[in-house]
Amino acid sequence: MFSEGYRKKIIEDFQRRMTELGTFGRVLSEKISGYAGDVRDALYVLYGRMPLSDMADYPVEVFADFAEWGAELWANDIFAGKIPEELFASYVLFHRVNDEEIEPCRKFFGKEMQCMLASLKEGAEKEEGYDLGSRMTEAVLKINYWCAGEVSYRQEDDRTASAMSVYRCGEGRCGEESTFVVNVCEVREFRRGKSMRLTGRIAMTIMPG
């Protein structure tokens, strides 16, 4: 999944953190060792960086959803190999956007996006030396318009809901809308325009409400 040098770094970071956690870290390491290949490497990234509260509050299986979809994107997405691995690990693979409840969502949103972006992928595969920036802009706009059609603004002060909760109820406050949009963008290797768009304008739309 990652280059040998970067993989060595994420394993070292993971092992250092698990050692600091003592018995709890050993239990987590044993569970994560049950996964193989790229998915395990993706879990190393997540557990090497996530808040300690996430480790305690959620089982490994929750983060496996993010790891499995991240591995799929790295290998097969339209922009596979086009995003620097450090940016990918930090801004695409990583599970947390805000202070939201963590709920598996990447595979679900990924399947929702596949049909919508199928023509874009087919065009890129046929076009030798396609313009990465314009393709990203087109894809981000499509995703943003889809998100705008699914969720409307609602004012409230509860804890930030998960992206799936916002999708299911069809409304959310500004922080929940942004959490929803970022999670959907991450199923196609996008996150926070300023991080992923290296040049040119940032494509974005405003959610209704």
C-alpha atoms as a PDB file:
ATOM      1  CA  MET A   1       0.000   0.000   0.000  1.00  0.00           C
ATOM      2  CA  PHE A   2       2.693   2.489   1.002  1.00  0.00           C
ATOM      3  CA  SER A   3       6.363   2.811   0.083  1.00  0.00           C
ATOM      4  CA  GLU A   4       8.771   0.784   2.199  1.00  0.00           C
ATOM      5  CA  GLY A   5      10.150   3.871   3.923  1.00  0.00           C
ATOM      6  CA  TYR A   6       6.759   5.298   4.820  1.00  0.00           C
ATOM      7  CA  ARG A   7       5.445   1.905   5.901  1.00  0.00           C
ATOM      8  CA  LYS A   8       8.404   1.546   8.266  1.00  0.00           C
ATOM      9  CA  LYS A   9       7.547   4.917   9.810  1.00  0.00           C
ATOM     10  CA  ILE A  10       3.877   4.134  10.411  1.00  0.00           C
ATOM     11  CA  ILE A  11       4.729   0.752  11.946  1.00  0.00           C
ATOM     12  CA  GLU A  12       7.243   2.375  14.288  1.00  0.00           C
ATOM     13  CA  ASP A  13       4.697   5.028  15.303  1.00  0.00           C
ATOM     14  CA  PHE A  14       2.070   2.358  15.906  1.00  0.00           C
ATOM     15  CA  GLN A  15       4.360   0.119  17.947  1.00  0.00           C
ATOM     16  CA  ARG A  16       5.588   3.028  20.061  1.00  0.00           C
ATOM     17  CA  ARG A  17       2.055   4.035  20.904  1.00  0.00           C
ATOM     18  CA  MET A  18       0.921   0.502  21.700  1.00  0.00           C
ATOM     19  CA  THR A  19       3.912   0.077  24.019  1.00  0.00           C
ATOM     20  CA  GLU A  20       2.925   3.240  25.884  1.00  0.00           C
ATOM     21  CA  LEU A  21      -0.569   1.811  26.410  1.00  0.00           C
ATOM     22  CA  GLY A  22       0.685  -1.323  28.152  1.00  0.00           C
ATOM     23  CA  THR A  23      -1.819  -4.181  28.420  1.00  0.00           C
ATOM     24  CA  PHE A  24      -4.472  -2.304  26.455  1.00  0.00           C
ATOM     25  CA  GLY A  25      -1.975  -1.741  23.658  1.00  0.00           C
ATOM     26  CA  ARG A  26      -1.068  -5.433  23.554  1.00  0.00           C
ATOM     27  CA  VAL A  27      -4.734  -6.383  23.242  1.00  0.00           C
ATOM     28  CA  LEU A  28      -5.218  -3.913  20.387  1.00  0.00           C
ATOM     29  CA  SER A  29      -2.065  -5.119  18.615  1.00  0.00           C
ATOM     30  CA  GLU A  30      -3.295  -8.701  18.769  1.00  0.00           C
ATOM     31  CA  LYS A  31      -6.664  -7.767  17.267  1.00  0.00           C
ATOM     32  CA  ILE A  32      -5.099  -5.702  14.497  1.00  0.00           C
ATOM     33  CA  SER A  33      -2.677  -8.518  13.641  1.00  0.00           C
ATOM     34  CA  GLY A  34      -5.739 -10.516  12.579  1.00  0.00           C
ATOM     35  CA  TYR A  35      -6.043  -8.284   9.518  1.00  0.00           C
ATOM     36  CA  ALA A  36      -3.743  -8.706   6.544  1.00  0.00           C
ATOM     37  CA  GLY A  37      -1.797  -6.642   4.033  1.00  0.00           C
ATOM     38  CA  ASP A  38      -2.967  -3.155   3.141  1.00  0.00           C
ATOM     39  CA  VAL A  39      -5.874  -3.187   5.588  1.00  0.00           C
ATOM     40  CA  ARG A  40      -3.514  -3.879   8.475  1.00  0.00           C
ATOM     41  CA  ASP A  41      -1.191  -1.084   7.328  1.00  0.00           C
ATOM     42  CA  ALA A  42      -4.160   1.281   7.180  1.00  0.00           C
ATOM     43  CA  LEU A  43      -5.105   0.304  10.735  1.00  0.00           C
ATOM     44  CA  TYR A  44      -1.520   1.018  11.793  1.00  0.00           C
ATOM     45  CA  VAL A  45      -1.982   4.551  10.467  1.00  0.00           C
ATOM     46  CA  LEU A  46      -5.293   5.051  12.240  1.00  0.00           C
ATOM     47  CA  TYR A  47      -4.197   3.666  15.596  1.00  0.00           C
ATOM     48  CA  GLY A  48      -0.899   5.492  15.426  1.00  0.00           C
ATOM     49  CA  ARG A  49      -2.707   8.842  15.229  1.00  0.00           C
ATOM     50  CA  MET A  50      -6.235   8.636  16.611  1.00  0.00           C
ATOM     51  CA  PRO A  51      -7.326  10.175  19.935  1.00  0.00           C
ATOM     52  CA  LEU A  52      -7.023   7.808  22.885  1.00  0.00           C
ATOM     53  CA  SER A  53     -10.746   8.220  23.514  1.00  0.00           C
ATOM     54  CA  ASP A  54     -11.489   6.696  20.102  1.00  0.00           C
ATOM     55  CA  MET A  55      -9.406   3.635  20.959  1.00  0.00           C
ATOM     56  CA  ALA A  56     -11.345   3.179  24.186  1.00  0.00           C
ATOM     57  CA  ASP A  57     -14.812   3.993  22.858  1.00  0.00           C
ATOM     58  CA  TYR A  58     -14.922   1.957  19.640  1.00  0.00           C
ATOM     59  CA  PRO A  59     -13.934  -1.610  18.688  1.00  0.00           C
ATOM     60  CA  VAL A  60     -11.362  -2.351  15.994  1.00  0.00           C
ATOM     61  CA  GLU A  61     -14.155  -3.481  13.673  1.00  0.00           C
ATOM     62  CA  VAL A  62     -15.439   0.096  13.394  1.00  0.00           C
ATOM     63  CA  PHE A  63     -12.103   1.367  12.124  1.00  0.00           C
ATOM     64  CA  ALA A  64     -11.711  -1.637   9.837  1.00  0.00           C
ATOM     65  CA  ASP A  65     -14.447  -0.119   7.646  1.00  0.00           C
ATOM     66  CA  PHE A  66     -12.312   2.979   7.130  1.00  0.00           C
ATOM     67  CA  ALA A  67      -9.147   0.897   6.640  1.00  0.00           C
ATOM     68  CA  GLU A  68     -10.711  -1.466   4.095  1.00  0.00           C
ATOM     69  CA  TRP A  69     -12.138   1.326   1.992  1.00  0.00           C
ATOM     70  CA  GLY A  70      -8.876   3.260   2.216  1.00  0.00           C
ATOM     71  CA  ALA A  71      -6.964   0.247   0.912  1.00  0.00           C
ATOM     72  CA  GLU A  72      -9.462  -0.089  -1.938  1.00  0.00           C
ATOM     73  CA  LEU A  73      -9.068   3.573  -2.883  1.00  0.00           C
ATOM     74  CA  TRP A  74      -5.283   3.419  -2.784  1.00  0.00           C
ATOM     75  CA  ALA A  75      -5.284   0.510  -5.226  1.00  0.00           C
ATOM     76  CA  ASN A  76      -8.210   1.151  -7.564  1.00  0.00           C
ATOM     77  CA  ASP A  77      -9.576   4.695  -7.426  1.00  0.00           C
ATOM     78  CA  ILE A  78      -9.513   6.988 -10.452  1.00  0.00           C
ATOM     79  CA  PHE A  79      -6.818   9.016  -8.690  1.00  0.00           C
ATOM     80  CA  ALA A  80      -4.896   6.017  -7.304  1.00  0.00           C
ATOM     81  CA  GLY A  81      -1.202   6.810  -7.080  1.00  0.00           C
ATOM     82  CA  LYS A  82      -1.796  10.515  -7.764  1.00  0.00           C
ATOM     83  CA  ILE A  83      -2.034  11.633  -4.122  1.00  0.00           C
ATOM     84  CA  PRO A  84       1.166  11.775  -1.988  1.00  0.00           C
ATOM     85  CA  GLU A  85       1.015   8.992   0.601  1.00  0.00           C
ATOM     86  CA  GLU A  86       1.349  11.318   3.608  1.00  0.00           C
ATOM     87  CA  LEU A  87      -1.586  13.423   2.402  1.00  0.00           C
ATOM     88  CA  PHE A  88      -3.575  10.281   1.669  1.00  0.00           C
ATOM     89  CA  ALA A  89      -2.951   8.867   5.149  1.00  0.00           C
ATOM     90  CA  SER A  90      -3.726  12.120   6.952  1.00  0.00           C
ATOM     91  CA  TYR A  91      -6.586  13.549   4.893  1.00  0.00           C
ATOM     92  CA  VAL A  92      -8.275  10.648   3.071  1.00  0.00           C
ATOM     93  CA  LEU A  93      -7.760   7.496   5.100  1.00  0.00           C
ATOM     94  CA  PHE A  94      -8.144   9.077   8.547  1.00  0.00           C
ATOM     95  CA  HIS A  95     -11.526   8.452  10.158  1.00  0.00           C
ATOM     96  CA  ARG A  96     -12.243  11.599  12.169  1.00  0.00           C
ATOM     97  CA  VAL A  97     -13.399  14.963  10.814  1.00  0.00           C
ATOM     98  CA  ASN A  98     -14.864  16.749  13.847  1.00  0.00           C
ATOM     99  CA  ASP A  99     -15.965  15.661  17.322  1.00  0.00           C
ATOM    100  CA  GLU A 100     -18.635  13.451  15.752  1.00  0.00           C
ATOM    101  CA  GLU A 101     -19.702   9.982  16.797  1.00  0.00           C
ATOM    102  CA  ILE A 102     -17.716   7.469  14.731  1.00  0.00           C
ATOM    103  CA  GLU A 103     -19.855   5.128  12.660  1.00  0.00           C
ATOM    104  CA  PRO A 104     -18.825   3.000   9.644  1.00  0.00           C
ATOM    105  CA  CYS A 105     -19.832   4.897   6.508  1.00  0.00           C
ATOM    106  CA  ARG A 106     -17.075   4.891   3.881  1.00  0.00           C
ATOM    107  CA  LYS A 107     -18.120   1.681   2.110  1.00  0.00           C
ATOM    108  CA  PHE A 108     -21.744   2.806   2.016  1.00  0.00           C
ATOM    109  CA  PHE A 109     -20.973   6.236   0.586  1.00  0.00           C
ATOM    110  CA  GLY A 110     -18.385   4.699  -1.728  1.00  0.00           C
ATOM    111  CA  LYS A 111     -21.028   2.538  -3.375  1.00  0.00           C
ATOM    112  CA  GLU A 112     -23.343   5.545  -3.647  1.00  0.00           C
ATOM    113  CA  MET A 113     -20.629   7.465  -5.498  1.00  0.00           C
ATOM    114  CA  GLN A 114     -19.520   4.659  -7.820  1.00  0.00           C
ATOM    115  CA  CYS A 115     -22.439   4.944 -10.224  1.00  0.00           C
ATOM    116  CA  MET A 116     -22.451   8.724 -10.187  1.00  0.00           C
ATOM    117  CA  LEU A 117     -18.739   8.968 -11.013  1.00  0.00           C
ATOM    118  CA  ALA A 118     -18.520   5.927 -13.315  1.00  0.00           C
ATOM    119  CA  SER A 119     -18.491   8.009 -16.505  1.00  0.00           C
ATOM    120  CA  LEU A 120     -15.733  10.212 -15.102  1.00  0.00           C
ATOM    121  CA  LYS A 121     -13.561   7.191 -14.356  1.00  0.00           C
ATOM    122  CA  GLU A 122     -14.186   5.642 -17.774  1.00  0.00           C
ATOM    123  CA  GLY A 123     -13.215   8.880 -19.482  1.00  0.00           C
ATOM    124  CA  ALA A 124     -10.004   9.186 -17.475  1.00  0.00           C
ATOM    125  CA  GLU A 125      -9.014   5.592 -18.231  1.00  0.00           C
ATOM    126  CA  LYS A 126      -9.341   6.255 -21.975  1.00  0.00           C
ATOM    127  CA  GLU A 127      -7.593   9.616 -21.877  1.00  0.00           C
ATOM    128  CA  GLU A 128      -3.829   9.337 -21.788  1.00  0.00           C
ATOM    129  CA  GLY A 129      -2.189  12.012 -19.651  1.00  0.00           C
ATOM    130  CA  TYR A 130      -5.504  13.400 -18.409  1.00  0.00           C
ATOM    131  CA  ASP A 131      -5.517  16.648 -16.426  1.00  0.00           C
ATOM    132  CA  LEU A 132      -5.684  15.609 -12.766  1.00  0.00           C
ATOM    133  CA  GLY A 133      -6.772  19.028 -11.528  1.00  0.00           C
ATOM    134  CA  SER A 134      -9.768  19.366 -13.856  1.00  0.00           C
ATOM    135  CA  ARG A 135     -10.869  15.791 -13.144  1.00  0.00           C
ATOM    136  CA  MET A 136     -10.709  16.437  -9.412  1.00  0.00           C
ATOM    137  CA  THR A 137     -12.703  19.643  -9.783  1.00  0.00           C
ATOM    138  CA  GLU A 138     -15.401  17.874 -11.772  1.00  0.00           C
ATOM    139  CA  ALA A 139     -15.621  14.999  -9.289  1.00  0.00           C
ATOM    140  CA  VAL A 140     -15.698  17.292  -6.239  1.00  0.00           C
ATOM    141  CA  LEU A 141     -18.499  19.363  -7.767  1.00  0.00           C
ATOM    142  CA  LYS A 142     -20.565  16.249  -8.506  1.00  0.00           C
ATOM    143  CA  ILE A 143     -20.101  15.009  -4.947  1.00  0.00           C
ATOM    144  CA  ASN A 144     -20.913  18.400  -3.416  1.00  0.00           C
ATOM    145  CA  TYR A 145     -24.118  18.739  -5.419  1.00  0.00           C
ATOM    146  CA  TRP A 146     -25.139  15.228  -4.359  1.00  0.00           C
ATOM    147  CA  CYS A 147     -24.508  16.100  -0.710  1.00  0.00           C
ATOM    148  CA  ALA A 148     -26.503  19.323  -1.058  1.00  0.00           C
ATOM    149  CA  GLY A 149     -29.451  17.303  -2.319  1.00  0.00           C
ATOM    150  CA  GLU A 150     -29.324  14.889   0.612  1.00  0.00           C
ATOM    151  CA  VAL A 151     -28.928  17.116   3.705  1.00  0.00           C
ATOM    152  CA  SER A 152     -30.442  20.457   4.746  1.00  0.00           C
ATOM    153  CA  TYR A 153     -29.417  22.793   7.563  1.00  0.00           C
ATOM    154  CA  ARG A 154     -30.910  22.432  11.043  1.00  0.00           C
ATOM    155  CA  GLN A 155     -29.949  24.490  14.077  1.00  0.00           C
ATOM    156  CA  GLU A 156     -29.257  22.490  17.265  1.00  0.00           C
ATOM    157  CA  ASP A 157     -26.660  22.160  20.014  1.00  0.00           C
ATOM    158  CA  ASP A 158     -26.337  18.412  20.547  1.00  0.00           C
ATOM    159  CA  ARG A 159     -23.078  16.541  20.064  1.00  0.00           C
ATOM    160  CA  THR A 160     -22.000  16.363  16.427  1.00  0.00           C
ATOM    161  CA  ALA A 161     -23.810  13.441  14.802  1.00  0.00           C
ATOM    162  CA  SER A 162     -22.071  10.879  12.621  1.00  0.00           C
ATOM    163  CA  ALA A 163     -22.117  11.240   8.833  1.00  0.00           C
ATOM    164  CA  MET A 164     -24.498   8.274   8.564  1.00  0.00           C
ATOM    165  CA  SER A 165     -26.896   9.789  11.113  1.00  0.00           C
ATOM    166  CA  VAL A 166     -26.963  13.066   9.186  1.00  0.00           C
ATOM    167  CA  TYR A 167     -27.586  11.184   5.935  1.00  0.00           C
ATOM    168  CA  ARG A 168     -30.410   9.120   7.445  1.00  0.00           C
ATOM    169  CA  CYS A 169     -32.293  12.099   8.903  1.00  0.00           C
ATOM    170  CA  GLY A 170     -31.538  14.441   5.985  1.00  0.00           C
ATOM    171  CA  GLU A 171     -30.578  17.457   8.081  1.00  0.00           C
ATOM    172  CA  GLY A 172     -27.846  18.763  10.364  1.00  0.00           C
ATOM    173  CA  ARG A 173     -26.162  21.900  11.649  1.00  0.00           C
ATOM    174  CA  CYS A 174     -23.110  23.382   9.906  1.00  0.00           C
ATOM    175  CA  GLY A 175     -20.537  21.184  11.670  1.00  0.00           C
ATOM    176  CA  GLU A 176     -22.587  18.092  10.875  1.00  0.00           C
ATOM    177  CA  GLU A 177     -22.991  19.099   7.238  1.00  0.00           C
ATOM    178  CA  SER A 178     -19.235  19.546   6.910  1.00  0.00           C
ATOM    179  CA  THR A 179     -18.615  16.179   8.595  1.00  0.00           C
ATOM    180  CA  PHE A 180     -21.040  14.568   6.142  1.00  0.00           C
ATOM    181  CA  VAL A 181     -19.487  16.215   3.071  1.00  0.00           C
ATOM    182  CA  VAL A 182     -15.907  15.388   4.074  1.00  0.00           C
ATOM    183  CA  ASN A 183     -16.732  11.720   4.688  1.00  0.00           C
ATOM    184  CA  VAL A 184     -18.423  11.462   1.292  1.00  0.00           C
ATOM    185  CA  CYS A 185     -15.487  13.193  -0.408  1.00  0.00           C
ATOM    186  CA  GLU A 186     -13.079  10.795   1.267  1.00  0.00           C
ATOM    187  CA  VAL A 187     -14.636   7.804  -0.472  1.00  0.00           C
ATOM    188  CA  ARG A 188     -13.136   9.192  -3.697  1.00  0.00           C
ATOM    189  CA  GLU A 189      -9.770  10.453  -2.413  1.00  0.00           C
ATOM    190  CA  PHE A 190     -10.782  14.009  -1.601  1.00  0.00           C
ATOM    191  CA  ARG A 191     -10.702  15.887   1.655  1.00  0.00           C
ATOM    192  CA  ARG A 192     -10.598  19.581   2.505  1.00  0.00           C
ATOM    193  CA  GLY A 193      -9.948  21.232  -0.856  1.00  0.00           C
ATOM    194  CA  LYS A 194      -6.925  23.209   0.329  1.00  0.00           C
ATOM    195  CA  SER A 195      -5.167  19.953   1.225  1.00  0.00           C
ATOM    196  CA  MET A 196      -5.878  17.991  -1.924  1.00  0.00           C
ATOM    197  CA  ARG A 197      -6.012  20.650  -4.631  1.00  0.00           C
ATOM    198  CA  LEU A 198      -2.434  21.684  -5.243  1.00  0.00           C
ATOM    199  CA  THR A 199      -3.231  24.447  -7.735  1.00  0.00           C
ATOM    200  CA  GLY A 200      -6.200  26.448  -8.977  1.00  0.00           C
ATOM    201  CA  ARG A 201      -9.552  27.238  -7.430  1.00  0.00           C
ATOM    202  CA  ILE A 202     -11.164  25.070  -4.784  1.00  0.00           C
ATOM    203  CA  ALA A 203     -14.443  23.511  -5.900  1.00  0.00           C
ATOM    204  CA  MET A 204     -17.230  23.799  -3.348  1.00  0.00           C
ATOM    205  CA  THR A 205     -20.953  24.399  -3.030  1.00  0.00           C
ATOM    206  CA  ILE A 206     -23.133  25.647  -0.182  1.00  0.00           C
ATOM    207  CA  MET A 207     -25.552  23.268   1.517  1.00  0.00           C
ATOM    208  CA  PRO A 208     -29.211  24.389   1.450  1.00  0.00           C
ATOM    209  CA  GLY A 209     -30.883  25.901   4.495  1.00  0.00           C
END
